[in-house]
Amino acid sequence: MSVGPTDGTVGSVKNNSNTRLHVAPSILTHRAGAQLIELLGIGGNADILDVGCGTGNLTMELSKRTTGSVSGIDPSEGMIREASKMYSDPRITFMVMDNREMTFHEEFDNIFCNSAFQWFRTPEHFLEKAYAALRPNGRIGIQAPAKKNYCPLFLKAIGESCTNPEIAQIFSGFRPPWCLLESGEEYSALFCKAGFRITYCSLEESRNRYTPEKVFDVFSSGAKAGYLNPAYYNTPLPEWFEAAFLEGIRGSFDRQCEADGLIDLLFYRIFLIAEK
């Protein structure tokens, strides 16, 4: 699904409780998703649910690990439509569905949730649904941005953009929509409360060096849609706000560039595997 304050996602971003703005997939999120697939340890005939599947790129990767069925759900009709066009394997089913609408009962051996968990406003409700959807001993794996300081570079850029008093006045009405916990212990407690047993939990630092232009592309592929979503402000956004806000972001990235022309881009990510 994906994305919010992240390195970008395969999928789209919510602009209210049920619909999302389309964004481009990010190679960083794809890499993290590939890591999550390995951690999940998918069995040869497992039936898999991909929650927040976006355009289905990783859903297809999941299908290569099993002879079982693979279902991808996403609340964005546009994402599901594109996924259905791109991947016509009869073992893969794509459905328009919000995580809160899940009614599956012991239908899956694995649930895969890559760069979507941060968007769940009531994660405990999702985990109840996920627990019910898994067969006994089934496993769920999530990868998502973590910590309120999820990307120091992005937050610094936003702060510098807000040195413009007019931007700062509007941005003061921003209400972050994301679920970002500060430690692996907090994530583990959330899953344990839903009845899961934690088998792997790691809050990791992910670093890459990019040009300012590439960093802006990464920002635009995910975080931008959250920060510029009118649904998350307490006042209407004026027409000039988006262009001015992004100009401030670009300028900050340029100023943070090091002598070699690159920027050290750090994200905090949670990887968690739990068993029913």
Foldseek 3Di string as FASTA:
>chain_A
DAFAPDLFAQAFADLDDQETHAFDHDPVLVVVLVVLLVVQPDDAAWEEEEERCFLPPVQVVNVVRYPHAYEYEAQYPVRQVNNCVVDVPPSYHYDNDHLLRQDAAQQGQEYEYGRPCFQDLCNLSSLLSVVRNHHAFGKYKYKHFADPCFWVLQVVLLVQLVVPVVLVVQLVQFAQNTDHYHDQVVVCVSNVVSPWAWDDKDWDKDKDKDALVVSLSSCRNHNLRRSPNQSRGPDGDDPCNSVSSSVSSSVSSQVQQDPVRIHIIMGIMMITMITD
